C-alpha atoms as a PDB file:
ATOM      1  CA  UNK A   1      53.781 194.482 130.551  1.00  0.00           C
ATOM      2  CA  UNK A   2      50.651 196.464 130.179  1.00  0.00           C
ATOM      3  CA  UNK A   3      47.280 194.800 130.001  1.00  0.00           C
ATOM      4  CA  UNK A   4      45.108 195.962 127.188  1.00  0.00           C
ATOM      5  CA  UNK A   5      41.481 196.243 128.101  1.00  0.00           C
ATOM      6  CA  UNK A   6      38.713 196.206 125.617  1.00  0.00           C
ATOM      7  CA  UNK A   7      35.958 198.697 125.913  1.00  0.00           C
ATOM      8  CA  UNK A   8      32.606 197.667 124.532  1.00  0.00           C
ATOM      9  CA  UNK A   9      30.413 200.242 123.002  1.00  0.00           C
ATOM     10  CA  UNK A  10      27.287 200.870 125.110  1.00  0.00           C
ATOM     11  CA  UNK A  11      25.164 200.626 121.952  1.00  0.00           C
ATOM     12  CA  UNK A  12      26.141 197.001 121.288  1.00  0.00           C
ATOM     13  CA  UNK A  13      23.743 194.461 122.739  1.00  0.00           C
ATOM     14  CA  UNK A  14      24.737 191.045 123.915  1.00  0.00           C
ATOM     15  CA  UNK A  15      23.520 188.450 121.425  1.00  0.00           C
ATOM     16  CA  UNK A  16      20.999 185.970 122.747  1.00  0.00           C
ATOM     17  CA  UNK A  17      21.194 182.369 121.514  1.00  0.00           C
ATOM     18  CA  UNK A  18      18.211 181.205 119.416  1.00  0.00           C
ATOM     19  CA  UNK A  19      17.479 178.365 121.820  1.00  0.00           C
ATOM     20  CA  UNK A  20      17.666 180.333 125.070  1.00  0.00           C
ATOM     21  CA  UNK A  21      14.863 179.148 127.330  1.00  0.00           C
ATOM     22  CA  UNK A  22      13.616 176.556 124.828  1.00  0.00           C
ATOM     23  CA  UNK A  23      13.574 172.802 125.119  1.00  0.00           C
ATOM     24  CA  UNK A  24      15.953 171.363 122.546  1.00  0.00           C
ATOM     25  CA  UNK A  25      16.660 167.777 121.567  1.00  0.00           C
ATOM     26  CA  UNK A  26      14.344 164.823 121.179  1.00  0.00           C
ATOM     27  CA  UNK A  27      10.759 165.285 122.272  1.00  0.00           C
ATOM     28  CA  UNK A  28       9.112 162.957 124.757  1.00  0.00           C
ATOM     29  CA  UNK A  29       7.191 160.014 123.330  1.00  0.00           C
ATOM     30  CA  UNK A  30       3.417 160.241 123.184  1.00  0.00           C
ATOM     31  CA  UNK A  31       1.553 158.322 125.866  1.00  0.00           C
ATOM     32  CA  UNK A  32      -1.166 155.888 124.893  1.00  0.00           C
ATOM     33  CA  UNK A  33      -3.934 158.232 126.113  1.00  0.00           C
ATOM     34  CA  UNK A  34      -2.522 161.018 123.896  1.00  0.00           C
ATOM     35  CA  UNK A  35      -2.420 158.705 120.878  1.00  0.00           C
ATOM     36  CA  UNK A  36      -6.058 157.750 121.355  1.00  0.00           C
ATOM     37  CA  UNK A  37      -7.043 161.381 121.949  1.00  0.00           C
ATOM     38  CA  UNK A  38      -5.395 162.417 118.664  1.00  0.00           C
ATOM     39  CA  UNK A  39      -7.039 159.504 116.816  1.00  0.00           C
ATOM     40  CA  UNK A  40     -10.435 160.425 118.239  1.00  0.00           C
ATOM     41  CA  UNK A  41      -9.989 164.110 117.360  1.00  0.00           C
ATOM     42  CA  UNK A  42      -8.871 163.347 113.779  1.00  0.00           C
ATOM     43  CA  UNK A  43     -11.830 160.979 113.366  1.00  0.00           C
ATOM     44  CA  UNK A  44     -14.377 163.431 114.761  1.00  0.00           C
ATOM     45  CA  UNK A  45     -13.014 166.222 112.546  1.00  0.00           C
ATOM     46  CA  UNK A  46     -13.362 163.960 109.444  1.00  0.00           C
ATOM     47  CA  UNK A  47      -9.655 164.395 108.616  1.00  0.00           C
ATOM     48  CA  UNK A  48      -9.276 161.170 106.651  1.00  0.00           C
ATOM     49  CA  UNK A  49      -5.809 161.865 105.236  1.00  0.00           C
ATOM     50  CA  UNK A  50      -4.398 163.053 108.542  1.00  0.00           C
ATOM     51  CA  UNK A  51      -5.744 160.030 110.416  1.00  0.00           C
ATOM     52  CA  UNK A  52      -4.220 157.659 107.860  1.00  0.00           C
ATOM     53  CA  UNK A  53      -0.917 159.542 108.034  1.00  0.00           C
ATOM     54  CA  UNK A  54      -0.878 159.475 111.853  1.00  0.00           C
ATOM     55  CA  UNK A  55      -1.773 155.777 112.068  1.00  0.00           C
ATOM     56  CA  UNK A  56       0.797 154.812 109.440  1.00  0.00           C
ATOM     57  CA  UNK A  57       3.470 156.864 111.226  1.00  0.00           C
ATOM     58  CA  UNK A  58       2.762 155.029 114.490  1.00  0.00           C
ATOM     59  CA  UNK A  59       2.830 151.569 112.924  1.00  0.00           C
ATOM     60  CA  UNK A  60       5.857 152.057 110.691  1.00  0.00           C
ATOM     61  CA  UNK A  61       8.032 154.197 112.998  1.00  0.00           C
ATOM     62  CA  UNK A  62       9.597 155.579 109.814  1.00  0.00           C
ATOM     63  CA  UNK A  63      11.342 158.934 109.560  1.00  0.00           C
ATOM     64  CA  UNK A  64       9.180 161.694 108.113  1.00  0.00           C
ATOM     65  CA  UNK A  65      11.003 161.710 104.768  1.00  0.00           C
ATOM     66  CA  UNK A  66      10.376 157.970 104.321  1.00  0.00           C
ATOM     67  CA  UNK A  67       6.763 158.180 105.477  1.00  0.00           C
ATOM     68  CA  UNK A  68       5.679 160.947 103.092  1.00  0.00           C
ATOM     69  CA  UNK A  69       7.419 159.267 100.141  1.00  0.00           C
ATOM     70  CA  UNK A  70       5.488 155.993 100.468  1.00  0.00           C
ATOM     71  CA  UNK A  71       3.839 154.893  97.248  1.00  0.00           C
ATOM     72  CA  UNK A  72       0.471 153.167  97.055  1.00  0.00           C
ATOM     73  CA  UNK A  73       2.159 150.048  95.650  1.00  0.00           C
ATOM     74  CA  UNK A  74       4.324 149.819  98.783  1.00  0.00           C
ATOM     75  CA  UNK A  75       1.336 149.195 101.043  1.00  0.00           C
ATOM     76  CA  UNK A  76      -1.367 147.817  98.725  1.00  0.00           C
ATOM     77  CA  UNK A  77      -1.598 144.519  96.850  1.00  0.00           C
ATOM     78  CA  UNK A  78      -4.532 143.460  94.691  1.00  0.00           C
ATOM     79  CA  UNK A  79      -6.825 146.128  96.116  1.00  0.00           C
ATOM     80  CA  UNK A  80      -6.126 145.298  99.773  1.00  0.00           C
ATOM     81  CA  UNK A  81      -3.888 147.092 102.279  1.00  0.00           C
ATOM     82  CA  UNK A  82      -1.084 144.696 103.213  1.00  0.00           C
ATOM     83  CA  UNK A  83      -0.558 143.281 106.700  1.00  0.00           C
ATOM     84  CA  UNK A  84       3.195 143.852 106.326  1.00  0.00           C
ATOM     85  CA  UNK A  85       5.092 146.322 104.174  1.00  0.00           C
ATOM     86  CA  UNK A  86       8.746 146.807 103.343  1.00  0.00           C
ATOM     87  CA  UNK A  87      10.459 150.110 102.536  1.00  0.00           C
ATOM     88  CA  UNK A  88      14.086 151.016 101.846  1.00  0.00           C
ATOM     89  CA  UNK A  89      15.065 153.871 104.158  1.00  0.00           C
ATOM     90  CA  UNK A  90      16.420 156.984 102.502  1.00  0.00           C
ATOM     91  CA  UNK A  91      19.074 157.704 105.143  1.00  0.00           C
ATOM     92  CA  UNK A  92      20.506 154.221 105.725  1.00  0.00           C
ATOM     93  CA  UNK A  93      19.551 152.577 102.406  1.00  0.00           C
ATOM     94  CA  UNK A  94      18.477 149.516 104.395  1.00  0.00           C
ATOM     95  CA  UNK A  95      15.148 147.763 103.984  1.00  0.00           C
ATOM     96  CA  UNK A  96      12.730 148.021 106.898  1.00  0.00           C
ATOM     97  CA  UNK A  97       9.709 145.796 107.329  1.00  0.00           C
ATOM     98  CA  UNK A  98       6.765 146.864 109.464  1.00  0.00           C
ATOM     99  CA  UNK A  99       3.364 145.502 110.383  1.00  0.00           C
ATOM    100  CA  UNK A 100       0.212 147.438 109.557  1.00  0.00           C
ATOM    101  CA  UNK A 101      -2.451 146.987 112.235  1.00  0.00           C
ATOM    102  CA  UNK A 102      -6.161 146.618 111.528  1.00  0.00           C
ATOM    103  CA  UNK A 103      -6.927 150.172 112.726  1.00  0.00           C
ATOM    104  CA  UNK A 104      -4.327 151.580 110.365  1.00  0.00           C
ATOM    105  CA  UNK A 105      -5.484 149.394 107.463  1.00  0.00           C
ATOM    106  CA  UNK A 106      -9.026 150.754 107.904  1.00  0.00           C
ATOM    107  CA  UNK A 107      -7.913 154.389 107.970  1.00  0.00           C
ATOM    108  CA  UNK A 108      -5.534 153.918 105.011  1.00  0.00           C
ATOM    109  CA  UNK A 109      -8.259 152.071 103.067  1.00  0.00           C
ATOM    110  CA  UNK A 110     -10.700 154.951 103.721  1.00  0.00           C
ATOM    111  CA  UNK A 111      -8.078 157.504 102.598  1.00  0.00           C
ATOM    112  CA  UNK A 112      -7.195 155.591  99.419  1.00  0.00           C
ATOM    113  CA  UNK A 113     -10.874 155.147  98.512  1.00  0.00           C
ATOM    114  CA  UNK A 114     -11.363 158.880  98.943  1.00  0.00           C
ATOM    115  CA  UNK A 115      -8.137 159.762  97.116  1.00  0.00           C
ATOM    116  CA  UNK A 116      -7.990 157.159  94.333  1.00  0.00           C
ATOM    117  CA  UNK A 117      -4.819 156.820  92.254  1.00  0.00           C
ATOM    118  CA  UNK A 118      -2.532 154.195  90.792  1.00  0.00           C
ATOM    119  CA  UNK A 119       0.102 151.973  92.399  1.00  0.00           C
ATOM    120  CA  UNK A 120       3.007 154.230  91.361  1.00  0.00           C
ATOM    121  CA  UNK A 121       1.481 157.355  92.891  1.00  0.00           C
ATOM    122  CA  UNK A 122       2.304 158.663  96.356  1.00  0.00           C
ATOM    123  CA  UNK A 123      -0.012 157.745  99.230  1.00  0.00           C
ATOM    124  CA  UNK A 124       0.115 161.352 100.477  1.00  0.00           C
ATOM    125  CA  UNK A 125       0.429 163.630  97.421  1.00  0.00           C
ATOM    126  CA  UNK A 126       1.349 167.291  97.476  1.00  0.00           C
ATOM    127  CA  UNK A 127      -1.454 169.748  96.892  1.00  0.00           C
ATOM    128  CA  UNK A 128       0.854 171.781  94.633  1.00  0.00           C
ATOM    129  CA  UNK A 129       1.936 169.060  92.201  1.00  0.00           C
ATOM    130  CA  UNK A 130       0.291 165.768  91.364  1.00  0.00           C
ATOM    131  CA  UNK A 131       3.705 164.175  90.783  1.00  0.00           C
ATOM    132  CA  UNK A 132       5.203 165.183  94.156  1.00  0.00           C
ATOM    133  CA  UNK A 133       4.555 163.943  97.677  1.00  0.00           C
ATOM    134  CA  UNK A 134       3.643 165.834 100.829  1.00  0.00           C
ATOM    135  CA  UNK A 135       6.718 167.715 102.029  1.00  0.00           C
ATOM    136  CA  UNK A 136       8.426 166.764 105.267  1.00  0.00           C
ATOM    137  CA  UNK A 137       7.978 170.363 106.406  1.00  0.00           C
ATOM    138  CA  UNK A 138       4.207 170.146 105.865  1.00  0.00           C
ATOM    139  CA  UNK A 139       4.183 166.804 107.721  1.00  0.00           C
ATOM    140  CA  UNK A 140       6.006 168.480 110.632  1.00  0.00           C
ATOM    141  CA  UNK A 141       3.417 171.286 110.679  1.00  0.00           C
ATOM    142  CA  UNK A 142       0.589 168.744 110.760  1.00  0.00           C
ATOM    143  CA  UNK A 143       2.260 166.849 113.584  1.00  0.00           C
ATOM    144  CA  UNK A 144       2.638 170.034 115.619  1.00  0.00           C
ATOM    145  CA  UNK A 145      -1.034 170.785 115.010  1.00  0.00           C
ATOM    146  CA  UNK A 146      -2.142 167.333 116.199  1.00  0.00           C
ATOM    147  CA  UNK A 147       0.009 167.307 119.314  1.00  0.00           C
END
């Protein structure tokens, strides 16, 4: 039996995978000194919304899609930011309760005073539509910028 050999055209290039040489998978957790450095930077830059978003993300440990879709009524009662909040996760449809620390309550309170809005509105609204929330893609861009 004769073996058939394939001849590749010299003009064809070998395809390179998109993740060649890149770190893929879960990223390493932030260390405490990095967290405080980001908080300090956001505070010194007067980025009220971003600081509230960062602090709330740390306290809640929610996925990005759940974090950006928080409504003011989820974290505020009678004009005060709650000590504990409960949210139903989009992916698992299970309720998750989380504690909101004093630092986060202060930054969220400052953001909500600056932003205003009713209890049914999103905590972090989109800049394109008043009825939509910040997109998860925009949240990811912000996170990359902070880190």
